[in-house]
Protein backbone atom coordinates (compact mmCIF):
# COMPACT_ATOMS: atom_id res chain seq x y z
CA MET A 1 -60.44 -119.02 -7.92
CA GLU A 2 -58.32 -120.40 -5.09
CA THR A 3 -58.42 -118.39 -1.89
CA GLY A 4 -55.30 -119.99 -0.40
CA GLY A 5 -54.74 -121.81 2.86
CA GLY A 6 -51.93 -119.82 4.42
CA ARG A 7 -51.82 -117.13 7.06
CA PRO A 8 -54.37 -114.28 7.09
CA CYS A 9 -53.86 -111.32 4.77
CA PRO A 10 -52.67 -108.26 6.76
CA GLN A 11 -54.89 -106.06 4.60
CA CYS A 12 -58.25 -107.84 4.36
CA GLY A 13 -57.97 -110.90 6.58
CA GLN A 14 -58.55 -113.50 3.84
CA ARG A 15 -56.18 -116.44 3.58
CA LEU A 16 -52.99 -115.91 1.60
CA THR A 17 -51.62 -118.35 -0.93
CA ASP A 18 -49.45 -121.01 0.67
CA ASP A 19 -46.90 -122.17 -1.92
CA ASP A 20 -43.59 -120.70 -0.73
CA ARG A 21 -41.92 -121.40 -4.07
CA PHE A 22 -43.76 -118.39 -5.41
CA VAL A 23 -44.88 -114.97 -4.25
CA VAL A 24 -47.32 -115.19 -1.33
CA TRP A 25 -50.22 -112.87 -2.05
CA CYS A 26 -53.92 -112.31 -1.43
CA THR A 27 -56.29 -113.32 -4.20
CA SER A 28 -59.06 -111.21 -2.65
CA CYS A 29 -57.46 -107.77 -2.36
CA ASP A 30 -54.23 -108.20 -4.37
CA TRP A 31 -52.00 -107.58 -1.36
CA ASN A 32 -48.37 -108.25 -2.42
CA VAL A 33 -49.44 -109.12 -5.97
CA ARG A 34 -46.26 -107.40 -7.18
CA GLY A 35 -44.12 -109.50 -4.87
CA GLY A 36 -42.57 -106.50 -3.14
CA ASN A 37 -41.27 -105.07 -6.42
CA GLU A 38 -43.49 -102.00 -6.58
CA ASP A 39 -40.53 -99.74 -7.29
CA ASP A 40 -38.54 -102.19 -9.38
CA GLU A 41 -37.77 -100.49 -12.69
CA GLN A 42 -36.31 -102.15 -15.72
CA HIS A 43 -32.67 -101.24 -16.27
CA ASP A 44 -33.08 -100.82 -19.98
CA GLY A 45 -30.81 -99.00 -22.34
CA PRO A 46 -32.07 -95.68 -23.75
CA VAL A 47 -33.71 -97.24 -26.83
CA ASP A 48 -35.43 -100.02 -24.89
CA ALA A 49 -36.63 -97.59 -22.22
CA PHE A 50 -38.07 -95.33 -24.90
CA ARG A 51 -39.83 -98.28 -26.54
CA ARG A 52 -41.27 -99.33 -23.19
CA ARG A 53 -42.75 -95.88 -22.61
CA LEU A 54 -44.25 -95.87 -26.11
CA SER A 55 -45.64 -99.36 -25.58
CA ARG A 56 -47.50 -98.28 -22.47
CA THR A 57 -48.73 -95.08 -24.10
CA TYR A 58 -50.14 -96.85 -27.15
CA GLY A 59 -51.34 -100.02 -25.42
CA GLU A 60 -55.02 -99.42 -24.75
CA GLU A 61 -55.56 -97.27 -27.83
CA LEU A 62 -54.02 -99.87 -30.14
CA PHE A 63 -55.97 -102.66 -28.46
CA ALA A 64 -59.23 -100.86 -29.23
CA ARG A 65 -58.25 -100.42 -32.87
CA MET A 66 -57.06 -103.99 -33.32
CA THR A 67 -60.26 -105.45 -31.86
CA SER A 68 -62.54 -103.29 -34.01
CA GLU A 69 -64.43 -104.71 -36.97
CA ARG A 70 -61.77 -103.51 -39.42
CA PRO A 71 -58.36 -103.58 -37.71
CA PRO A 72 -55.65 -101.60 -39.50
CA LEU A 73 -52.79 -103.33 -41.27
CA PRO A 74 -49.18 -102.43 -40.49
CA GLY A 75 -47.04 -100.93 -43.20
CA ARG A 76 -49.41 -98.16 -44.20
CA GLY A 77 -49.48 -94.39 -43.82
CA ALA A 78 -47.08 -91.63 -42.87
CA ALA A 79 -45.22 -93.62 -40.20
CA TYR A 80 -44.37 -96.28 -42.76
CA ALA A 81 -43.05 -93.67 -45.21
CA GLY A 82 -41.13 -91.88 -42.45
CA ALA A 83 -39.43 -95.08 -41.30
CA TYR A 84 -38.35 -95.83 -44.85
CA ALA A 85 -37.06 -92.25 -45.25
CA ILE A 86 -34.87 -92.53 -42.13
CA ALA A 87 -33.64 -95.96 -43.18
CA GLY A 88 -32.81 -94.62 -46.62
CA LEU A 89 -30.91 -91.70 -45.07
CA VAL A 90 -28.84 -94.13 -42.98
CA HIS A 91 -27.92 -96.24 -45.98
CA LEU A 92 -27.21 -93.21 -48.18
CA LEU A 93 -24.84 -91.83 -45.55
CA THR A 94 -22.95 -95.12 -45.55
CA LEU A 95 -22.71 -95.02 -49.35
CA ALA A 96 -21.54 -91.41 -49.24
CA VAL A 97 -18.72 -92.26 -46.82
CA ALA A 98 -17.69 -95.25 -48.93
CA GLY A 99 -17.85 -93.16 -52.11
CA ALA A 100 -15.71 -90.42 -50.59
CA GLY A 101 -13.14 -93.02 -49.55
CA VAL A 102 -12.98 -94.51 -53.03
CA TRP A 103 -12.72 -91.03 -54.60
CA LEU A 104 -9.81 -90.07 -52.35
CA LEU A 105 -7.98 -93.28 -53.17
CA VAL A 106 -8.54 -92.96 -56.91
CA THR A 107 -7.71 -89.27 -57.23
CA GLY A 108 -5.05 -88.91 -54.55
CA TRP A 109 -3.35 -92.26 -54.35
CA ARG A 110 0.06 -90.68 -55.10
CA ALA A 111 -0.22 -88.46 -52.01
CA VAL A 112 0.03 -89.88 -48.51
CA ILE A 113 -2.64 -87.84 -46.75
CA PRO A 114 -5.50 -88.36 -49.28
CA ALA A 115 -4.67 -92.07 -49.49
CA VAL A 116 -4.68 -92.46 -45.71
CA LEU A 117 -7.95 -90.54 -45.45
CA GLY A 118 -9.44 -92.72 -48.18
CA VAL A 119 -8.48 -95.88 -46.34
CA LEU A 120 -9.89 -94.48 -43.08
CA LEU A 121 -13.18 -93.56 -44.75
CA LEU A 122 -13.48 -97.02 -46.29
CA GLY A 123 -12.83 -98.54 -42.89
CA LEU A 124 -15.51 -96.29 -41.40
CA ALA A 125 -17.92 -97.27 -44.17
CA TRP A 126 -17.27 -100.91 -43.33
CA LEU A 127 -18.18 -100.24 -39.69
CA MET A 128 -21.29 -98.37 -40.88
CA ARG A 129 -22.36 -101.10 -43.33
CA PRO A 130 -25.93 -102.45 -43.20
CA ARG A 131 -26.34 -105.47 -40.93
CA LEU A 132 -28.38 -108.00 -42.87
CA GLY A 133 -28.53 -110.55 -40.09
CA ARG A 134 -27.20 -114.09 -40.14
CA VAL A 135 -28.16 -117.57 -39.05
CA PRO A 136 -27.65 -117.78 -35.26
CA ARG A 137 -24.40 -119.48 -34.33
CA HIS A 138 -25.66 -120.73 -30.98
CA GLY A 139 -28.02 -123.66 -30.65
CA VAL A 140 -28.42 -126.70 -32.88
CA ARG A 141 -29.07 -126.30 -36.60
CA LEU A 142 -31.42 -128.90 -38.06
CA ARG A 143 -31.36 -129.70 -41.78
CA ARG A 144 -34.34 -131.01 -43.72
CA GLU A 145 -32.79 -134.43 -44.09
CA ASP A 146 -32.13 -134.56 -40.33
CA ALA A 147 -35.69 -133.72 -39.26
CA PRO A 148 -38.18 -134.55 -42.06
CA ALA A 149 -41.17 -134.85 -39.71
CA LEU A 150 -40.51 -131.43 -38.20
CA TYR A 151 -40.00 -129.77 -41.58
CA ALA A 152 -43.16 -131.43 -42.90
CA LEU A 153 -45.14 -129.78 -40.09
CA LEU A 154 -43.44 -126.43 -40.70
CA ASP A 155 -44.17 -126.63 -44.41
CA GLU A 156 -47.84 -127.42 -43.75
CA VAL A 157 -48.19 -124.43 -41.44
CA ALA A 158 -46.40 -122.12 -43.90
CA ASP A 159 -48.42 -123.37 -46.89
CA THR A 160 -51.70 -123.00 -44.99
CA LEU A 161 -50.86 -119.37 -44.24
CA GLY A 162 -49.40 -118.65 -47.67
CA ALA A 163 -46.05 -117.88 -46.05
CA PRO A 164 -42.58 -118.75 -47.33
CA ARG A 165 -41.19 -122.02 -46.00
CA ALA A 166 -38.35 -122.15 -43.51
CA ASP A 167 -34.88 -122.52 -45.01
CA VAL A 168 -33.14 -123.13 -41.70
CA VAL A 169 -34.30 -124.30 -38.25
CA VAL A 170 -32.21 -123.52 -35.18
CA VAL A 171 -33.08 -125.04 -31.81
CA ASP A 172 -31.81 -123.45 -28.59
CA ALA A 173 -32.66 -123.62 -24.89
CA GLU A 174 -34.39 -120.23 -24.65
CA VAL A 175 -37.96 -119.61 -23.54
CA ASN A 176 -38.82 -118.10 -26.89
CA ALA A 177 -39.39 -118.64 -30.59
CA SER A 178 -38.72 -116.31 -33.51
CA VAL A 179 -38.41 -115.97 -37.26
CA GLN A 180 -36.13 -113.74 -39.27
CA ALA A 181 -34.93 -113.23 -42.82
CA VAL A 182 -31.16 -113.06 -43.07
CA GLY A 183 -28.50 -112.25 -45.63
CA LEU A 184 -28.84 -110.89 -49.13
CA ARG A 185 -30.92 -113.89 -50.16
CA ARG A 186 -33.22 -113.25 -47.16
CA ARG A 187 -33.17 -116.87 -46.07
CA LYS A 188 -36.01 -117.65 -43.67
CA VAL A 189 -34.76 -118.80 -40.27
CA LEU A 190 -37.01 -120.26 -37.58
CA THR A 191 -35.59 -120.46 -34.06
CA ILE A 192 -37.34 -122.78 -31.60
CA GLY A 193 -36.52 -122.42 -27.92
CA LEU A 194 -36.93 -125.72 -26.08
CA GLY A 195 -37.59 -123.82 -22.86
CA LEU A 196 -40.90 -122.81 -24.43
CA TRP A 197 -41.57 -125.65 -26.87
CA GLU A 198 -41.25 -128.43 -24.28
CA VAL A 199 -43.95 -127.07 -21.98
CA LEU A 200 -46.53 -126.43 -24.69
CA THR A 201 -49.23 -128.90 -25.70
CA PRO A 202 -49.15 -130.22 -29.29
CA GLN A 203 -51.83 -127.76 -30.39
CA GLN A 204 -50.10 -124.87 -28.64
CA ARG A 205 -46.96 -125.79 -30.59
CA VAL A 206 -48.90 -125.66 -33.85
CA GLY A 207 -50.29 -122.28 -32.83
CA LEU A 208 -46.81 -121.03 -31.96
CA LEU A 209 -45.60 -121.97 -35.45
CA GLY A 210 -48.63 -120.23 -36.94
CA HIS A 211 -47.76 -117.09 -34.99
CA GLU A 212 -44.14 -117.09 -36.12
CA PHE A 213 -44.83 -117.82 -39.80
CA GLY A 214 -47.62 -115.27 -39.60
CA HIS A 215 -45.00 -112.53 -39.36
CA PHE A 216 -44.05 -113.25 -42.96
CA VAL A 217 -47.58 -112.55 -44.23
CA ASN A 218 -49.11 -109.97 -41.89
CA GLY A 219 -47.38 -106.87 -43.26
CA ASP A 220 -44.81 -106.46 -40.48
CA THR A 221 -42.40 -103.78 -41.69
CA SER A 222 -40.07 -103.60 -38.68
CA GLU A 223 -37.78 -106.34 -39.97
CA THR A 224 -37.79 -105.61 -43.69
CA LEU A 225 -34.45 -105.49 -45.47
CA VAL A 226 -34.35 -101.69 -45.59
CA ILE A 227 -35.75 -100.79 -42.15
CA GLY A 228 -34.44 -103.76 -40.18
CA SER A 229 -30.88 -103.38 -41.47
CA ALA A 230 -30.96 -99.63 -40.81
CA HIS A 231 -32.10 -100.21 -37.22
CA ARG A 232 -29.27 -102.68 -36.59
CA THR A 233 -26.80 -100.29 -38.23
CA LEU A 234 -27.87 -97.40 -36.01
CA ILE A 235 -27.41 -99.55 -32.92
CA GLU A 236 -23.87 -100.40 -34.08
CA TRP A 237 -23.18 -96.71 -34.64
CA TYR A 238 -24.39 -95.79 -31.18
CA VAL A 239 -22.31 -98.51 -29.53
CA LEU A 240 -19.27 -97.22 -31.45
CA LEU A 241 -19.84 -93.53 -30.73
CA ARG A 242 -21.36 -93.33 -27.28
CA PRO A 243 -19.07 -91.48 -24.85
CA GLN A 244 -17.90 -93.22 -21.71
CA SER A 245 -19.39 -91.72 -18.57
CA ASP A 246 -16.21 -92.39 -16.57
CA THR A 247 -13.32 -90.31 -17.88
CA SER A 248 -11.18 -90.58 -14.74
CA GLY A 249 -7.59 -91.56 -15.47
CA LEU A 250 -7.76 -90.34 -19.06
CA GLY A 251 -5.53 -87.68 -20.51
CA LEU A 252 -6.79 -84.32 -21.70
CA VAL A 253 -6.77 -85.29 -25.38
CA GLU A 254 -8.62 -88.59 -24.74
CA THR A 255 -11.18 -86.87 -22.54
CA ALA A 256 -11.78 -84.16 -25.17
CA ALA A 257 -12.15 -86.77 -27.91
CA ARG A 258 -14.71 -88.72 -25.94
CA LEU A 259 -16.66 -85.59 -25.13
CA LEU A 260 -16.64 -84.58 -28.81
CA MET A 261 -18.24 -87.93 -29.67
CA PHE A 262 -21.22 -86.90 -27.54
CA VAL A 263 -22.69 -84.86 -30.40
CA PRO A 264 -22.74 -87.57 -33.12
CA ALA A 265 -23.75 -90.19 -30.54
CA SER A 266 -26.71 -88.02 -29.53
CA ALA A 267 -27.71 -87.57 -33.18
CA VAL A 268 -27.66 -91.34 -33.71
CA LEU A 269 -29.66 -91.89 -30.53
CA LEU A 270 -32.22 -89.35 -31.74
CA LEU A 271 -32.56 -91.23 -35.04
CA LEU A 272 -33.03 -94.48 -33.11
CA HIS A 273 -35.77 -92.88 -31.01
CA VAL A 274 -37.56 -91.57 -34.09
CA LEU A 275 -37.27 -94.90 -35.91
CA ALA A 276 -38.55 -96.69 -32.80
CA HIS A 277 -41.49 -94.30 -32.64
CA LEU A 278 -42.35 -94.89 -36.29
CA THR A 279 -42.03 -98.69 -36.25
CA LEU A 280 -43.32 -99.60 -32.79
CA ARG A 281 -47.01 -99.24 -33.62
CA ALA A 282 -46.64 -101.26 -36.83
CA GLY A 283 -44.69 -103.93 -34.94
CA GLN A 284 -47.35 -104.22 -32.27
CA GLN A 285 -50.11 -104.34 -34.87
CA ALA A 286 -48.21 -107.19 -36.50
CA GLU A 287 -48.14 -109.06 -33.18
CA TYR A 288 -51.93 -108.82 -32.84
CA LEU A 289 -52.35 -110.09 -36.39
CA ALA A 290 -49.89 -112.92 -35.75
CA ASP A 291 -51.90 -113.84 -32.65
CA ASP A 292 -55.02 -114.08 -34.81
CA LEU A 293 -53.22 -116.40 -37.22
CA GLU A 294 -52.01 -118.44 -34.25
CA ALA A 295 -55.64 -118.96 -33.18
CA ARG A 296 -56.70 -119.89 -36.71
CA ILE A 297 -53.93 -122.46 -37.15
CA GLY A 298 -53.80 -124.04 -33.68
CA SER A 299 -57.24 -123.02 -32.29
CA THR A 300 -58.32 -120.14 -30.09
CA GLU A 301 -58.07 -122.30 -26.97
CA ALA A 302 -54.48 -123.22 -27.79
CA ALA A 303 -53.54 -119.58 -28.48
CA ILE A 304 -54.90 -118.47 -25.10
CA GLY A 305 -53.12 -121.31 -23.33
CA GLY A 306 -49.87 -120.43 -25.07
CA MET A 307 -50.11 -116.84 -23.84
CA ASP A 308 -50.58 -118.08 -20.28
CA VAL A 309 -47.34 -120.01 -20.68
CA LEU A 310 -45.62 -116.80 -21.81
CA LEU A 311 -46.59 -115.23 -18.50
CA LEU A 312 -44.47 -117.92 -16.84
CA ALA A 313 -41.45 -117.29 -19.07
CA ASP A 314 -39.24 -115.72 -16.40
CA ALA A 315 -40.01 -118.53 -13.94
CA ILE A 316 -39.11 -121.12 -16.59
CA ALA A 317 -35.89 -119.28 -17.47
CA PHE A 318 -34.92 -119.07 -13.79
CA TRP A 319 -35.55 -122.80 -13.34
CA LEU A 320 -33.32 -123.60 -16.32
CA ASP A 321 -30.59 -121.29 -15.06
CA GLN A 322 -30.53 -123.15 -11.75
CA GLN A 323 -30.21 -126.64 -13.16
CA TYR A 324 -26.42 -126.75 -13.14
CA VAL A 325 -26.65 -126.43 -9.33
CA THR A 326 -28.78 -129.55 -9.09
CA VAL A 327 -26.84 -131.68 -11.59
CA GLY A 328 -25.92 -134.18 -8.83
CA THR A 329 -29.57 -134.53 -7.87
CA VAL A 330 -30.50 -135.12 -11.50
CA HIS A 331 -27.89 -137.89 -11.77
CA ARG A 332 -29.29 -139.69 -8.76
CA ALA A 333 -32.91 -139.26 -9.85
CA THR A 334 -32.33 -140.64 -13.35
CA ARG A 335 -29.74 -143.36 -12.74
CA GLY A 336 -32.31 -146.05 -12.03
CA ALA A 337 -34.77 -144.86 -14.66
CA GLY A 338 -32.51 -145.64 -17.63
CA ARG A 339 -32.33 -142.00 -18.67
CA GLU A 340 -29.33 -139.76 -19.06
CA PRO A 341 -29.44 -136.50 -17.04
CA ASP A 342 -29.41 -134.36 -20.19
CA GLU A 343 -32.51 -136.16 -21.48
CA ALA A 344 -34.28 -135.79 -18.13
CA VAL A 345 -33.91 -132.01 -17.95
CA TRP A 346 -36.83 -131.36 -20.27
CA GLU A 347 -39.09 -133.89 -18.53
CA ARG A 348 -38.27 -132.28 -15.21
CA LEU A 349 -39.09 -128.88 -16.72
CA LYS A 350 -42.52 -130.13 -17.78
CA GLU A 351 -43.10 -131.46 -14.25
CA TYR A 352 -42.08 -128.13 -12.76
CA VAL A 353 -44.43 -126.13 -14.99
CA ALA A 354 -47.26 -128.57 -14.31
CA SER A 355 -46.70 -128.03 -10.58
CA ILE A 356 -47.11 -124.25 -10.77
CA PRO A 357 -50.39 -123.53 -8.96
CA GLU A 358 -53.28 -121.72 -10.60
CA HIS A 359 -53.00 -118.85 -8.11
CA GLU A 360 -49.48 -118.06 -9.37
CA LEU A 361 -50.71 -117.94 -12.95
CA GLU A 362 -53.60 -115.71 -11.87
CA ARG A 363 -51.15 -113.43 -10.04
CA ARG A 364 -49.16 -113.04 -13.24
CA ARG A 365 -52.32 -112.26 -15.21
CA ARG A 366 -53.20 -109.49 -12.76
CA LEU A 367 -49.61 -108.27 -12.73
CA SER A 368 -49.70 -108.03 -16.51
CA VAL A 369 -52.62 -105.62 -16.18
CA LEU A 370 -50.84 -103.54 -13.54
CA THR A 371 -47.45 -103.37 -15.22
CA ALA A 372 -48.33 -103.70 -18.92
CA HIS A 373 -46.20 -106.87 -18.97
CA ALA A 374 -44.89 -107.78 -22.40
CA GLU A 375 -42.28 -110.20 -23.73
CA ASP A 376 -40.27 -107.15 -24.77
CA GLN A 377 -40.79 -103.57 -25.87
CA THR A 378 -41.90 -104.56 -29.37
CA HIS A 379 -44.83 -106.65 -28.11
CA PRO A 380 -48.18 -105.40 -26.80
CA PRO A 381 -48.93 -106.18 -23.14
CA THR A 382 -49.69 -109.89 -22.79
CA HIS A 383 -53.06 -109.39 -21.10
CA LEU A 384 -54.22 -107.24 -24.03
CA ARG A 385 -53.06 -109.83 -26.56
CA ARG A 386 -54.94 -112.50 -24.64
CA ALA A 387 -58.08 -110.37 -24.44
CA ALA A 388 -57.90 -109.62 -28.16
CA VAL A 389 -57.84 -113.32 -29.04
CA GLU A 390 -60.76 -113.98 -26.69
CA ARG A 391 -62.75 -111.10 -28.17
CA ARG A 392 -62.33 -112.16 -31.80
CA GLU A 393 -64.21 -114.96 -33.50
CA HIS A 394 -63.22 -118.29 -31.95
CA HIS A 395 -61.58 -120.85 -34.24
CA ALA A 396 -61.11 -124.59 -34.29
CA ALA A 397 -57.66 -125.81 -35.30
CA ALA A 398 -56.85 -125.66 -39.00
CA ILE A 399 -54.02 -128.15 -38.39
CA VAL A 400 -54.40 -130.90 -35.79
CA LEU A 401 -51.23 -132.48 -34.44
CA ASP A 402 -52.30 -135.97 -33.41
CA VAL A 403 -50.41 -138.23 -31.01
CA ALA A 404 -48.55 -140.24 -33.65
CA ARG A 405 -47.36 -137.21 -35.59
CA SER A 406 -46.45 -135.38 -32.40
CA LYS A 407 -44.16 -138.26 -31.43
CA GLU A 408 -42.48 -138.11 -34.85
CA VAL A 409 -41.82 -134.39 -34.44
CA ASP A 410 -40.48 -134.98 -30.92
CA ALA A 411 -38.15 -137.69 -32.23
CA ALA A 412 -36.75 -135.25 -34.78
CA LEU A 413 -35.82 -132.92 -31.91
CA ASP A 414 -34.19 -135.60 -29.74
CA PRO A 415 -30.56 -134.87 -30.81
CA ALA A 416 -31.04 -131.17 -30.06
CA ARG A 417 -32.79 -132.03 -26.82
CA ARG A 418 -29.82 -134.08 -25.60
CA ARG A 419 -27.17 -131.55 -26.58
CA LEU A 420 -29.04 -128.57 -25.16
CA GLY A 421 -29.82 -130.56 -22.02
CA ARG A 422 -26.07 -130.97 -21.47
CA GLU A 423 -25.58 -127.23 -21.99
CA VAL A 424 -28.27 -126.43 -19.43
CA LEU A 425 -26.66 -128.73 -16.87
CA ARG A 426 -23.27 -127.12 -17.46
CA GLY A 427 -24.79 -123.70 -16.78
């Protein structure tokens, strides 16, 4: 462990780290390990804040269960049944509103008031309709014929896991990756964020794909058709109903109407809290199981390395956000190298990540322990996920991405790389 070569620590006298690009801290006593953000709280919405509290409450207990000899599977027990009951109630209420609207139109179409009420109820039912998800509109969509090498790798990972193959691949500039099933046909969509993909090694990329496809086979219930659509519907309801805190400048009638909406908005928020409580544990169990599949597909070493990269996610995102400021510098740096600036962005990102010192990565590992750092409220703390992979049986890679094949996959992503590079430079 590096001890640093900077000024003495004001707390223990050891040398502080000396890379001013990052937080200066003491590796001996953890002075300033939080970077002066001891009181910095996340400004989450009410649902996200509730999920964060639950995540911290369940963290250690769930870690112990998931690293036992027989870890539980998600989608079992009373919580599973309760989540489905709430989701069913949400969808039945939507059907009831739609049915009432149709009934009023059919039976009272000759009268103005019933007809108007029927139309209003049908409009309300439309706003309350289940959200089935859709293919992301941002990013670059790659078809099978456009990227055969990439799809061949995806198919191999999916087939090895016994998971459904990807129907659509979307590439964006985010520091993330995800899978989802969308629409009535539940088409499988894989989203690859170049901000993450570009800084991973070939085996870490294979492991990442194993993790994402693993969500289709590990019993994750949080994004099923019934529960996932109900959760998105409740969020839409809350956005529609929540009262505005600032009622200044409004008339008496408008103020009264907004205050009256407080009751249904609170009821919807309560349902969201309960649904979050019932699905959070299953969602976090699914993440641990997906991590295990990541290690089996890409290797344990690659899975651990990939989690270390996740600890750097906010630094990577910040670097990408700042690139439009340095577009002139990028032009000058690449003019003589025969590369366009948009193509150079991703190479420069790799260089930046490679330059991050080990003491900054170690600081983030320790900070994860102190703050229960997670990618979001649905994920277990990163340090616990990492420890779980280390504690389980270690695996060699089930799929090895050699140099030649890795270049073929990279070539398939070149058009997306250029377009998204231009978007990054435009800010």
